[in-house]
PDB file of N, CA and C in Angstrom:
ATOM      1  N   UNK A   1       3.231 -56.838  51.233  1.00  0.00           N
ATOM      2  CA  UNK A   1       2.304 -57.902  51.546  1.00  0.00           C
ATOM      3  C   UNK A   1       3.053 -59.228  51.537  1.00  0.00           C
ATOM      4  N   UNK A   2       2.714 -60.095  52.448  1.00  0.00           N
ATOM      5  CA  UNK A   2       3.369 -61.389  52.559  1.00  0.00           C
ATOM      6  C   UNK A   2       2.725 -62.382  51.609  1.00  0.00           C
ATOM      7  N   UNK A   3       3.552 -63.042  50.823  1.00  0.00           N
ATOM      8  CA  UNK A   3       3.061 -64.061  49.902  1.00  0.00           C
ATOM      9  C   UNK A   3       2.941 -65.383  50.646  1.00  0.00           C
ATOM     10  N   UNK A   4       2.000 -66.233  50.274  1.00  0.00           N
ATOM     11  CA  UNK A   4       1.807 -67.499  50.980  1.00  0.00           C
ATOM     12  C   UNK A   4       3.006 -68.440  50.894  1.00  0.00           C
ATOM     13  N   UNK A   5       3.815 -68.339  49.846  1.00  0.00           N
ATOM     14  CA  UNK A   5       4.933 -69.257  49.678  1.00  0.00           C
ATOM     15  C   UNK A   5       6.211 -68.780  50.350  1.00  0.00           C
ATOM     16  N   UNK A   6       6.223 -67.576  50.905  1.00  0.00           N
ATOM     17  CA  UNK A   6       7.419 -67.060  51.563  1.00  0.00           C
ATOM     18  C   UNK A   6       7.650 -67.783  52.881  1.00  0.00           C
ATOM     19  N   UNK A   7       8.890 -68.223  53.090  1.00  0.00           N
ATOM     20  CA  UNK A   7       9.219 -68.856  54.356  1.00  0.00           C
ATOM     21  C   UNK A   7       9.636 -67.783  55.357  1.00  0.00           C
ATOM     22  N   UNK A   8       9.509 -68.095  56.617  1.00  0.00           N
ATOM     23  CA  UNK A   8       9.846 -67.128  57.656  1.00  0.00           C
ATOM     24  C   UNK A   8      11.348 -66.880  57.693  1.00  0.00           C
ATOM     25  N   UNK A   9      12.124 -67.952  57.646  1.00  0.00           N
ATOM     26  CA  UNK A   9      13.577 -67.848  57.691  1.00  0.00           C
ATOM     27  C   UNK A   9      14.122 -67.794  56.270  1.00  0.00           C
ATOM     28  N   UNK A  10      14.316 -66.593  55.776  1.00  0.00           N
ATOM     29  CA  UNK A  10      14.817 -66.425  54.424  1.00  0.00           C
ATOM     30  C   UNK A  10      16.218 -65.814  54.455  1.00  0.00           C
ATOM     31  N   UNK A  11      16.751 -65.581  53.269  1.00  0.00           N
ATOM     32  CA  UNK A  11      18.110 -65.060  53.161  1.00  0.00           C
ATOM     33  C   UNK A  11      18.229 -63.659  53.758  1.00  0.00           C
ATOM     34  N   UNK A  12      17.219 -62.825  53.560  1.00  0.00           N
ATOM     35  CA  UNK A  12      17.248 -61.466  54.091  1.00  0.00           C
ATOM     36  C   UNK A  12      17.294 -61.472  55.623  1.00  0.00           C
ATOM     37  N   UNK A  13      16.554 -62.388  56.242  1.00  0.00           N
ATOM     38  CA  UNK A  13      16.585 -62.500  57.698  1.00  0.00           C
ATOM     39  C   UNK A  13      17.951 -62.981  58.175  1.00  0.00           C
ATOM     40  N   UNK A  14      18.569 -63.895  57.453  1.00  0.00           N
ATOM     41  CA  UNK A  14      19.896 -64.382  57.813  1.00  0.00           C
ATOM     42  C   UNK A  14      20.926 -63.262  57.733  1.00  0.00           C
ATOM     43  N   UNK A  15      20.870 -62.481  56.672  1.00  0.00           N
ATOM     44  CA  UNK A  15      21.802 -61.357  56.525  1.00  0.00           C
ATOM     45  C   UNK A  15      21.569 -60.327  57.629  1.00  0.00           C
ATOM     46  N   UNK A  16      20.330 -60.042  57.930  1.00  0.00           N
ATOM     47  CA  UNK A  16      20.012 -59.104  59.007  1.00  0.00           C
ATOM     48  C   UNK A  16      20.481 -59.634  60.350  1.00  0.00           C
ATOM     49  N   UNK A  17      20.427 -60.951  60.539  1.00  0.00           N
ATOM     50  CA  UNK A  17      20.894 -61.559  61.786  1.00  0.00           C
ATOM     51  C   UNK A  17      22.400 -61.395  61.949  1.00  0.00           C
ATOM     52  N   UNK A  18      23.131 -61.522  60.868  1.00  0.00           N
ATOM     53  CA  UNK A  18      24.587 -61.331  60.932  1.00  0.00           C
ATOM     54  C   UNK A  18      24.921 -59.885  61.291  1.00  0.00           C
ATOM     55  N   UNK A  19      24.227 -58.936  60.663  1.00  0.00           N
ATOM     56  CA  UNK A  19      24.452 -57.533  60.999  1.00  0.00           C
ATOM     57  C   UNK A  19      24.041 -57.238  62.446  1.00  0.00           C
ATOM     58  N   UNK A  20      22.993 -57.866  62.921  1.00  0.00           N
ATOM     59  CA  UNK A  20      22.567 -57.688  64.306  1.00  0.00           C
ATOM     60  C   UNK A  20      23.615 -58.243  65.267  1.00  0.00           C
ATOM     61  N   UNK A  21      24.192 -59.372  64.930  1.00  0.00           N
ATOM     62  CA  UNK A  21      25.264 -59.956  65.750  1.00  0.00           C
ATOM     63  C   UNK A  21      26.448 -59.011  65.840  1.00  0.00           C
ATOM     64  N   UNK A  22      26.887 -58.493  64.713  1.00  0.00           N
ATOM     65  CA  UNK A  22      28.028 -57.572  64.699  1.00  0.00           C
ATOM     66  C   UNK A  22      27.709 -56.317  65.492  1.00  0.00           C
ATOM     67  N   UNK A  23      26.524 -55.761  65.281  1.00  0.00           N
ATOM     68  CA  UNK A  23      26.143 -54.555  65.998  1.00  0.00           C
ATOM     69  C   UNK A  23      26.023 -54.808  67.500  1.00  0.00           C
ATOM     70  N   UNK A  24      25.540 -55.975  67.884  1.00  0.00           N
ATOM     71  CA  UNK A  24      25.416 -56.305  69.305  1.00  0.00           C
ATOM     72  C   UNK A  24      26.785 -56.369  69.974  1.00  0.00           C
ATOM     73  N   UNK A  25      27.760 -56.919  69.265  1.00  0.00           N
ATOM     74  CA  UNK A  25      29.116 -56.989  69.814  1.00  0.00           C
ATOM     75  C   UNK A  25      29.726 -55.593  69.943  1.00  0.00           C
ATOM     76  N   UNK A  26      29.471 -54.727  68.961  1.00  0.00           N
ATOM     77  CA  UNK A  26      29.953 -53.347  69.051  1.00  0.00           C
ATOM     78  C   UNK A  26      29.269 -52.631  70.215  1.00  0.00           C
ATOM     79  N   UNK A  27      27.982 -52.834  70.360  1.00  0.00           N
ATOM     80  CA  UNK A  27      27.234 -52.214  71.459  1.00  0.00           C
ATOM     81  C   UNK A  27      27.738 -52.707  72.809  1.00  0.00           C
ATOM     82  N   UNK A  28      28.031 -53.971  72.919  1.00  0.00           N
ATOM     83  CA  UNK A  28      28.579 -54.519  74.166  1.00  0.00           C
ATOM     84  C   UNK A  28      29.935 -53.898  74.470  1.00  0.00           C
ATOM     85  N   UNK A  29      30.769 -53.726  73.459  1.00  0.00           N
ATOM     86  CA  UNK A  29      32.065 -53.080  73.649  1.00  0.00           C
ATOM     87  C   UNK A  29      31.884 -51.646  74.145  1.00  0.00           C
ATOM     88  N   UNK A  30      30.942 -50.922  73.547  1.00  0.00           N
ATOM     89  CA  UNK A  30      30.690 -49.540  73.960  1.00  0.00           C
ATOM     90  C   UNK A  30      30.185 -49.501  75.401  1.00  0.00           C
ATOM     91  N   UNK A  31      29.324 -50.421  75.773  1.00  0.00           N
ATOM     92  CA  UNK A  31      28.818 -50.479  77.152  1.00  0.00           C
ATOM     93  C   UNK A  31      29.969 -50.687  78.135  1.00  0.00           C
ATOM     94  N   UNK A  32      30.903 -51.555  77.779  1.00  0.00           N
ATOM     95  CA  UNK A  32      32.021 -51.861  78.675  1.00  0.00           C
ATOM     96  C   UNK A  32      33.042 -50.725  78.747  1.00  0.00           C
ATOM     97  N   UNK A  33      33.218 -49.973  77.667  1.00  0.00           N
ATOM     98  CA  UNK A  33      34.319 -49.018  77.608  1.00  0.00           C
ATOM     99  C   UNK A  33      33.943 -47.571  77.910  1.00  0.00           C
ATOM    100  N   UNK A  34      32.677 -47.217  77.810  1.00  0.00           N
ATOM    101  CA  UNK A  34      32.311 -45.812  77.973  1.00  0.00           C
ATOM    102  C   UNK A  34      32.117 -45.452  79.447  1.00  0.00           C
ATOM    103  N   UNK A  35      32.279 -44.168  79.723  1.00  0.00           N
ATOM    104  CA  UNK A  35      32.083 -43.667  81.085  1.00  0.00           C
ATOM    105  C   UNK A  35      30.756 -42.940  81.249  1.00  0.00           C
ATOM    106  N   UNK A  36      29.971 -42.881  80.190  1.00  0.00           N
ATOM    107  CA  UNK A  36      28.665 -42.222  80.233  1.00  0.00           C
ATOM    108  C   UNK A  36      27.620 -43.160  79.651  1.00  0.00           C
ATOM    109  N   UNK A  37      26.367 -42.856  79.907  1.00  0.00           N
ATOM    110  CA  UNK A  37      25.276 -43.705  79.433  1.00  0.00           C
ATOM    111  C   UNK A  37      24.787 -43.292  78.044  1.00  0.00           C
ATOM    112  N   UNK A  38      25.186 -42.122  77.599  1.00  0.00           N
ATOM    113  CA  UNK A  38      24.647 -41.574  76.356  1.00  0.00           C
ATOM    114  C   UNK A  38      25.064 -42.362  75.115  1.00  0.00           C
ATOM    115  N   UNK A  39      26.296 -42.783  75.019  1.00  0.00           N
ATOM    116  CA  UNK A  39      26.769 -43.482  73.822  1.00  0.00           C
ATOM    117  C   UNK A  39      26.098 -44.836  73.625  1.00  0.00           C
ATOM    118  N   UNK A  40      26.005 -45.669  74.661  1.00  0.00           N
ATOM    119  CA  UNK A  40      25.290 -46.938  74.448  1.00  0.00           C
ATOM    120  C   UNK A  40      23.818 -46.739  74.083  1.00  0.00           C
ATOM    121  N   UNK A  41      23.181 -45.757  74.696  1.00  0.00           N
ATOM    122  CA  UNK A  41      21.770 -45.517  74.395  1.00  0.00           C
ATOM    123  C   UNK A  41      21.592 -45.018  72.966  1.00  0.00           C
ATOM    124  N   UNK A  42      22.474 -44.132  72.515  1.00  0.00           N
ATOM    125  CA  UNK A  42      22.387 -43.627  71.153  1.00  0.00           C
ATOM    126  C   UNK A  42      22.596 -44.758  70.150  1.00  0.00           C
ATOM    127  N   UNK A  43      23.616 -45.564  70.371  1.00  0.00           N
ATOM    128  CA  UNK A  43      23.891 -46.683  69.470  1.00  0.00           C
ATOM    129  C   UNK A  43      22.756 -47.700  69.494  1.00  0.00           C
ATOM    130  N   UNK A  44      22.207 -47.987  70.670  1.00  0.00           N
ATOM    131  CA  UNK A  44      21.098 -48.944  70.772  1.00  0.00           C
ATOM    132  C   UNK A  44      19.862 -48.429  70.056  1.00  0.00           C
ATOM    133  N   UNK A  45      19.564 -47.152  70.192  1.00  0.00           N
ATOM    134  CA  UNK A  45      18.377 -46.593  69.534  1.00  0.00           C
ATOM    135  C   UNK A  45      18.530 -46.605  68.017  1.00  0.00           C
ATOM    136  N   UNK A  46      19.703 -46.234  67.533  1.00  0.00           N
ATOM    137  CA  UNK A  46      19.930 -46.218  66.082  1.00  0.00           C
ATOM    138  C   UNK A  46      19.888 -47.629  65.517  1.00  0.00           C
ATOM    139  N   UNK A  47      20.563 -48.557  66.180  1.00  0.00           N
ATOM    140  CA  UNK A  47      20.594 -49.935  65.664  1.00  0.00           C
ATOM    141  C   UNK A  47      19.217 -50.587  65.732  1.00  0.00           C
ATOM    142  N   UNK A  48      18.465 -50.298  66.768  1.00  0.00           N
ATOM    143  CA  UNK A  48      17.131 -50.887  66.888  1.00  0.00           C
ATOM    144  C   UNK A  48      16.189 -50.343  65.823  1.00  0.00           C
ATOM    145  N   UNK A  49      16.285 -49.053  65.552  1.00  0.00           N
ATOM    146  CA  UNK A  49      15.458 -48.488  64.485  1.00  0.00           C
ATOM    147  C   UNK A  49      15.837 -49.103  63.141  1.00  0.00           C
ATOM    148  N   UNK A  50      17.124 -49.351  62.943  1.00  0.00           N
ATOM    149  CA  UNK A  50      17.575 -49.992  61.709  1.00  0.00           C
ATOM    150  C   UNK A  50      17.064 -51.428  61.617  1.00  0.00           C
ATOM    151  N   UNK A  51      17.030 -52.129  62.749  1.00  0.00           N
ATOM    152  CA  UNK A  51      16.488 -53.488  62.774  1.00  0.00           C
ATOM    153  C   UNK A  51      15.026 -53.478  62.342  1.00  0.00           C
ATOM    154  N   UNK A  52      14.241 -52.593  62.929  1.00  0.00           N
ATOM    155  CA  UNK A  52      12.827 -52.510  62.585  1.00  0.00           C
ATOM    156  C   UNK A  52      12.599 -52.061  61.161  1.00  0.00           C
ATOM    157  N   UNK A  53      13.457 -51.171  60.675  1.00  0.00           N
ATOM    158  CA  UNK A  53      13.305 -50.684  59.310  1.00  0.00           C
ATOM    159  C   UNK A  53      13.696 -51.760  58.302  1.00  0.00           C
ATOM    160  N   UNK A  54      14.729 -52.541  58.620  1.00  0.00           N
ATOM    161  CA  UNK A  54      15.182 -53.595  57.706  1.00  0.00           C
ATOM    162  C   UNK A  54      14.208 -54.768  57.677  1.00  0.00           C
ATOM    163  N   UNK A  55      13.644 -55.096  58.808  1.00  0.00           N
ATOM    164  CA  UNK A  55      12.725 -56.238  58.916  1.00  0.00           C
ATOM    165  C   UNK A  55      11.460 -55.795  59.655  1.00  0.00           C
ATOM    166  N   UNK A  56      10.533 -55.117  58.993  1.00  0.00           N
ATOM    167  CA  UNK A  56       9.361 -54.600  59.697  1.00  0.00           C
ATOM    168  C   UNK A  56       8.455 -55.677  60.292  1.00  0.00           C
ATOM    169  N   UNK A  57       8.430 -56.853  59.709  1.00  0.00           N
ATOM    170  CA  UNK A  57       7.570 -57.924  60.218  1.00  0.00           C
ATOM    171  C   UNK A  57       8.319 -58.916  61.102  1.00  0.00           C
ATOM    172  N   UNK A  58       9.622 -59.016  60.933  1.00  0.00           N
ATOM    173  CA  UNK A  58      10.418 -59.990  61.689  1.00  0.00           C
ATOM    174  C   UNK A  58      11.413 -59.316  62.618  1.00  0.00           C
ATOM    175  N   UNK A  59      11.292 -58.020  62.809  1.00  0.00           N
ATOM    176  CA  UNK A  59      12.219 -57.277  63.651  1.00  0.00           C
ATOM    177  C   UNK A  59      12.195 -57.708  65.099  1.00  0.00           C
ATOM    178  N   UNK A  60      11.074 -58.214  65.554  1.00  0.00           N
ATOM    179  CA  UNK A  60      10.977 -58.686  66.938  1.00  0.00           C
ATOM    180  C   UNK A  60      11.963 -59.827  67.190  1.00  0.00           C
ATOM    181  N   UNK A  61      12.163 -60.684  66.189  1.00  0.00           N
ATOM    182  CA  UNK A  61      13.113 -61.789  66.343  1.00  0.00           C
ATOM    183  C   UNK A  61      14.538 -61.252  66.424  1.00  0.00           C
ATOM    184  N   UNK A  62      14.855 -60.262  65.619  1.00  0.00           N
ATOM    185  CA  UNK A  62      16.185 -59.657  65.672  1.00  0.00           C
ATOM    186  C   UNK A  62      16.402 -58.891  66.975  1.00  0.00           C
ATOM    187  N   UNK A  63      15.349 -58.269  67.495  1.00  0.00           N
ATOM    188  CA  UNK A  63      15.457 -57.573  68.783  1.00  0.00           C
ATOM    189  C   UNK A  63      15.720 -58.574  69.912  1.00  0.00           C
ATOM    190  N   UNK A  64      15.052 -59.712  69.866  1.00  0.00           N
ATOM    191  CA  UNK A  64      15.308 -60.758  70.870  1.00  0.00           C
ATOM    192  C   UNK A  64      16.730 -61.279  70.731  1.00  0.00           C
ATOM    193  N   UNK A  65      17.202 -61.452  69.493  1.00  0.00           N
ATOM    194  CA  UNK A  65      18.567 -61.901  69.252  1.00  0.00           C
ATOM    195  C   UNK A  65      19.572 -60.906  69.820  1.00  0.00           C
ATOM    196  N   UNK A  66      19.360 -59.622  69.572  1.00  0.00           N
ATOM    197  CA  UNK A  66      20.281 -58.613  70.094  1.00  0.00           C
ATOM    198  C   UNK A  66      20.263 -58.585  71.613  1.00  0.00           C
ATOM    199  N   UNK A  67      19.094 -58.660  72.222  1.00  0.00           N
ATOM    200  CA  UNK A  67      19.007 -58.664  73.682  1.00  0.00           C
ATOM    201  C   UNK A  67      19.710 -59.890  74.269  1.00  0.00           C
ATOM    202  N   UNK A  68      19.531 -61.039  73.650  1.00  0.00           N
ATOM    203  CA  UNK A  68      20.181 -62.256  74.141  1.00  0.00           C
ATOM    204  C   UNK A  68      21.697 -62.167  74.014  1.00  0.00           C
ATOM    205  N   UNK A  69      22.175 -61.643  72.902  1.00  0.00           N
ATOM    206  CA  UNK A  69      23.624 -61.500  72.723  1.00  0.00           C
ATOM    207  C   UNK A  69      24.194 -60.541  73.759  1.00  0.00           C
ATOM    208  N   UNK A  70      23.498 -59.451  74.018  1.00  0.00           N
ATOM    209  CA  UNK A  70      23.966 -58.490  75.021  1.00  0.00           C
ATOM    210  C   UNK A  70      24.031 -59.129  76.403  1.00  0.00           C
ATOM    211  N   UNK A  71      22.968 -59.829  76.788  1.00  0.00           N
ATOM    212  CA  UNK A  71      22.948 -60.452  78.115  1.00  0.00           C
ATOM    213  C   UNK A  71      23.990 -61.557  78.254  1.00  0.00           C
ATOM    214  N   UNK A  72      24.047 -62.436  77.281  1.00  0.00           N
ATOM    215  CA  UNK A  72      25.006 -63.546  77.342  1.00  0.00           C
ATOM    216  C   UNK A  72      26.436 -63.011  77.289  1.00  0.00           C
ATOM    217  N   UNK A  73      26.678 -62.073  76.387  1.00  0.00           N
ATOM    218  CA  UNK A  73      28.014 -61.504  76.275  1.00  0.00           C
ATOM    219  C   UNK A  73      28.452 -60.786  77.530  1.00  0.00           C
ATOM    220  N   UNK A  74      27.547 -60.044  78.147  1.00  0.00           N
ATOM    221  CA  UNK A  74      27.919 -59.295  79.346  1.00  0.00           C
ATOM    222  C   UNK A  74      28.145 -60.214  80.545  1.00  0.00           C
ATOM    223  N   UNK A  75      27.232 -61.130  80.788  1.00  0.00           N
ATOM    224  CA  UNK A  75      27.317 -61.923  82.009  1.00  0.00           C
ATOM    225  C   UNK A  75      28.248 -63.128  81.908  1.00  0.00           C
ATOM    226  N   UNK A  76      28.535 -63.614  80.700  1.00  0.00           N
ATOM    227  CA  UNK A  76      29.373 -64.802  80.584  1.00  0.00           C
ATOM    228  C   UNK A  76      30.760 -64.539  80.007  1.00  0.00           C
ATOM    229  N   UNK A  77      30.926 -63.475  79.231  1.00  0.00           N
ATOM    230  CA  UNK A  77      32.206 -63.268  78.561  1.00  0.00           C
ATOM    231  C   UNK A  77      32.928 -61.991  78.967  1.00  0.00           C
ATOM    232  N   UNK A  78      32.240 -61.027  79.526  1.00  0.00           N
ATOM    233  CA  UNK A  78      32.870 -59.766  79.913  1.00  0.00           C
ATOM    234  C   UNK A  78      33.308 -59.840  81.375  1.00  0.00           C
ATOM    235  N   UNK A  79      34.386 -59.162  81.666  1.00  0.00           N
ATOM    236  CA  UNK A  79      34.868 -59.141  83.048  1.00  0.00           C
ATOM    237  C   UNK A  79      34.128 -58.058  83.827  1.00  0.00           C
ATOM    238  N   UNK A  80      33.885 -58.350  85.076  1.00  0.00           N
ATOM    239  CA  UNK A  80      33.167 -57.403  85.934  1.00  0.00           C
ATOM    240  C   UNK A  80      34.125 -56.306  86.395  1.00  0.00           C
ATOM    241  N   UNK A  81      33.677 -55.048  86.403  1.00  0.00           N
ATOM    242  CA  UNK A  81      34.549 -53.963  86.888  1.00  0.00           C
ATOM    243  C   UNK A  81      34.763 -54.068  88.393  1.00  0.00           C
ATOM    244  N   UNK A  82      35.896 -53.574  88.832  1.00  0.00           N
ATOM    245  CA  UNK A  82      36.222 -53.620  90.267  1.00  0.00           C
ATOM    246  C   UNK A  82      35.417 -52.612  91.074  1.00  0.00           C
ATOM    247  N   UNK A  83      35.131 -51.483  90.470  1.00  0.00           N
ATOM    248  CA  UNK A  83      34.426 -50.411  91.149  1.00  0.00           C
ATOM    249  C   UNK A  83      32.919 -50.648  91.071  1.00  0.00           C
ATOM    250  N   UNK A  84      32.227 -50.502  92.191  1.00  0.00           N
ATOM    251  CA  UNK A  84      30.777 -50.694  92.218  1.00  0.00           C
ATOM    252  C   UNK A  84      30.032 -49.677  91.381  1.00  0.00           C
ATOM    253  N   UNK A  85      30.529 -48.452  91.320  1.00  0.00           N
ATOM    254  CA  UNK A  85      29.894 -47.416  90.509  1.00  0.00           C
ATOM    255  C   UNK A  85      29.986 -47.727  89.026  1.00  0.00           C
ATOM    256  N   UNK A  86      31.128 -48.258  88.614  1.00  0.00           N
ATOM    257  CA  UNK A  86      31.277 -48.639  87.206  1.00  0.00           C
ATOM    258  C   UNK A  86      30.342 -49.783  86.845  1.00  0.00           C
ATOM    259  N   UNK A  87      30.181 -50.711  87.759  1.00  0.00           N
ATOM    260  CA  UNK A  87      29.275 -51.842  87.500  1.00  0.00           C
ATOM    261  C   UNK A  87      27.831 -51.354  87.375  1.00  0.00           C
ATOM    262  N   UNK A  88      27.435 -50.439  88.257  1.00  0.00           N
ATOM    263  CA  UNK A  88      26.082 -49.889  88.178  1.00  0.00           C
ATOM    264  C   UNK A  88      25.860 -49.153  86.859  1.00  0.00           C
ATOM    265  N   UNK A  89      26.865 -48.388  86.411  1.00  0.00           N
ATOM    266  CA  UNK A  89      26.752 -47.679  85.139  1.00  0.00           C
ATOM    267  C   UNK A  89      26.634 -48.663  83.981  1.00  0.00           C
ATOM    268  N   UNK A  90      27.438 -49.718  84.005  1.00  0.00           N
ATOM    269  CA  UNK A  90      27.375 -50.720  82.944  1.00  0.00           C
ATOM    270  C   UNK A  90      26.021 -51.430  82.917  1.00  0.00           C
ATOM    271  N   UNK A  91      25.514 -51.786  84.089  1.00  0.00           N
ATOM    272  CA  UNK A  91      24.218 -52.468  84.139  1.00  0.00           C
ATOM    273  C   UNK A  91      23.087 -51.539  83.697  1.00  0.00           C
ATOM    274  N   UNK A  92      23.171 -50.273  84.085  1.00  0.00           N
ATOM    275  CA  UNK A  92      22.172 -49.304  83.648  1.00  0.00           C
ATOM    276  C   UNK A  92      22.208 -49.155  82.130  1.00  0.00           C
ATOM    277  N   UNK A  93      23.404 -49.098  81.577  1.00  0.00           N
ATOM    278  CA  UNK A  93      23.556 -49.010  80.119  1.00  0.00           C
ATOM    279  C   UNK A  93      23.061 -50.276  79.438  1.00  0.00           C
ATOM    280  N   UNK A  94      23.367 -51.433  80.023  1.00  0.00           N
ATOM    281  CA  UNK A  94      22.962 -52.711  79.441  1.00  0.00           C
ATOM    282  C   UNK A  94      21.447 -52.856  79.411  1.00  0.00           C
ATOM    283  N   UNK A  95      20.814 -52.682  80.548  1.00  0.00           N
ATOM    284  CA  UNK A  95      19.366 -52.867  80.608  1.00  0.00           C
ATOM    285  C   UNK A  95      18.621 -51.794  79.824  1.00  0.00           C
ATOM    286  N   UNK A  96      19.116 -50.567  79.852  1.00  0.00           N
ATOM    287  CA  UNK A  96      18.505 -49.510  79.058  1.00  0.00           C
ATOM    288  C   UNK A  96      18.628 -49.776  77.568  1.00  0.00           C
ATOM    289  N   UNK A  97      19.784 -50.296  77.154  1.00  0.00           N
ATOM    290  CA  UNK A  97      19.982 -50.628  75.745  1.00  0.00           C
ATOM    291  C   UNK A  97      19.058 -51.752  75.305  1.00  0.00           C
ATOM    292  N   UNK A  98      18.821 -52.699  76.183  1.00  0.00           N
ATOM    293  CA  UNK A  98      17.895 -53.793  75.852  1.00  0.00           C
ATOM    294  C   UNK A  98      16.471 -53.252  75.698  1.00  0.00           C
ATOM    295  N   UNK A  99      16.066 -52.377  76.587  1.00  0.00           N
ATOM    296  CA  UNK A  99      14.742 -51.760  76.466  1.00  0.00           C
ATOM    297  C   UNK A  99      14.615 -50.941  75.192  1.00  0.00           C
ATOM    298  N   UNK A 100      15.647 -50.164  74.897  1.00  0.00           N
ATOM    299  CA  UNK A 100      15.634 -49.363  73.670  1.00  0.00           C
ATOM    300  C   UNK A 100      15.639 -50.232  72.420  1.00  0.00           C
ATOM    301  N   UNK A 101      16.235 -51.407  72.514  1.00  0.00           N
ATOM    302  CA  UNK A 101      16.240 -52.325  71.373  1.00  0.00           C
ATOM    303  C   UNK A 101      14.818 -52.708  70.984  1.00  0.00           C
ATOM    304  N   UNK A 102      14.002 -53.043  71.959  1.00  0.00           N
ATOM    305  CA  UNK A 102      12.631 -53.443  71.657  1.00  0.00           C
ATOM    306  C   UNK A 102      11.775 -52.264  71.201  1.00  0.00           C
ATOM    307  N   UNK A 103      11.909 -51.142  71.867  1.00  0.00           N
ATOM    308  CA  UNK A 103      11.121 -49.965  71.489  1.00  0.00           C
ATOM    309  C   UNK A 103      11.549 -49.454  70.113  1.00  0.00           C
ATOM    310  N   UNK A 104      12.855 -49.352  69.893  1.00  0.00           N
ATOM    311  CA  UNK A 104      13.355 -48.854  68.614  1.00  0.00           C
ATOM    312  C   UNK A 104      13.009 -49.759  67.453  1.00  0.00           C
ATOM    313  N   UNK A 105      13.041 -51.058  67.675  1.00  0.00           N
ATOM    314  CA  UNK A 105      12.675 -52.007  66.631  1.00  0.00           C
ATOM    315  C   UNK A 105      11.206 -51.838  66.253  1.00  0.00           C
ATOM    316  N   UNK A 106      10.370 -51.657  67.240  1.00  0.00           N
ATOM    317  CA  UNK A 106       8.945 -51.442  66.998  1.00  0.00           C
ATOM    318  C   UNK A 106       8.725 -50.153  66.211  1.00  0.00           C
ATOM    319  N   UNK A 107       9.390 -49.075  66.628  1.00  0.00           N
ATOM    320  CA  UNK A 107       9.237 -47.786  65.950  1.00  0.00           C
ATOM    321  C   UNK A 107       9.785 -47.854  64.530  1.00  0.00           C
ATOM    322  N   UNK A 108      10.926 -48.513  64.341  1.00  0.00           N
ATOM    323  CA  UNK A 108      11.477 -48.656  62.992  1.00  0.00           C
ATOM    324  C   UNK A 108      10.556 -49.421  62.069  1.00  0.00           C
ATOM    325  N   UNK A 109       9.919 -50.467  62.591  1.00  0.00           N
ATOM    326  CA  UNK A 109       8.963 -51.225  61.797  1.00  0.00           C
ATOM    327  C   UNK A 109       7.742 -50.416  61.409  1.00  0.00           C
ATOM    328  N   UNK A 110       7.259 -49.595  62.342  1.00  0.00           N
ATOM    329  CA  UNK A 110       6.131 -48.725  62.044  1.00  0.00           C
ATOM    330  C   UNK A 110       6.503 -47.691  60.989  1.00  0.00           C
ATOM    331  N   UNK A 111       7.705 -47.116  61.100  1.00  0.00           N
ATOM    332  CA  UNK A 111       8.147 -46.140  60.106  1.00  0.00           C
ATOM    333  C   UNK A 111       8.256 -46.761  58.715  1.00  0.00           C
ATOM    334  N   UNK A 112       8.788 -47.970  58.637  1.00  0.00           N
ATOM    335  CA  UNK A 112       8.925 -48.639  57.352  1.00  0.00           C
ATOM    336  C   UNK A 112       7.557 -48.877  56.716  1.00  0.00           C
ATOM    337  N   UNK A 113       6.611 -49.355  57.528  1.00  0.00           N
ATOM    338  CA  UNK A 113       5.261 -49.608  57.006  1.00  0.00           C
ATOM    339  C   UNK A 113       4.565 -48.309  56.608  1.00  0.00           C
ATOM    340  N   UNK A 114       4.814 -47.245  57.381  1.00  0.00           N
ATOM    341  CA  UNK A 114       4.186 -45.961  57.066  1.00  0.00           C
ATOM    342  C   UNK A 114       4.721 -45.373  55.771  1.00  0.00           C
ATOM    343  N   UNK A 115       5.980 -45.672  55.473  1.00  0.00           N
ATOM    344  CA  UNK A 115       6.587 -45.149  54.246  1.00  0.00           C
ATOM    345  C   UNK A 115       6.317 -46.046  53.040  1.00  0.00           C
ATOM    346  N   UNK A 116       5.493 -47.055  53.243  1.00  0.00           N
ATOM    347  CA  UNK A 116       5.085 -47.895  52.115  1.00  0.00           C
ATOM    348  C   UNK A 116       5.917 -49.142  51.921  1.00  0.00           C
ATOM    349  N   UNK A 117       6.559 -49.608  52.969  1.00  0.00           N
ATOM    350  CA  UNK A 117       7.402 -50.799  52.837  1.00  0.00           C
ATOM    351  C   UNK A 117       6.721 -51.954  53.320  1.00  0.00           C
TER     352      UNK A 117
END
């Protein structure tokens, strides 16, 4: 239960944000380096469920943070592949991972609340 004196931006949210940043960078690396879609999707689903489980009420903010880091990192800092097929695979992995981030965060939050958190 949320206490009236609790602030939205607390230490736990800050720590979770740092872990989300690190995980987003790892996920971006996996998206760029893998030749299949399965690894980015697996990592995105696991990390998103962890986001929702760690922050059941504020996980949506962490999911938005992860999606923003993925988009900004991919389009502004990563180099585009020369092959059109590789680019399509990367974009499919990127957008799918962003979708899984939101769904997984929601499911993780529901699981945490169901288990009494």
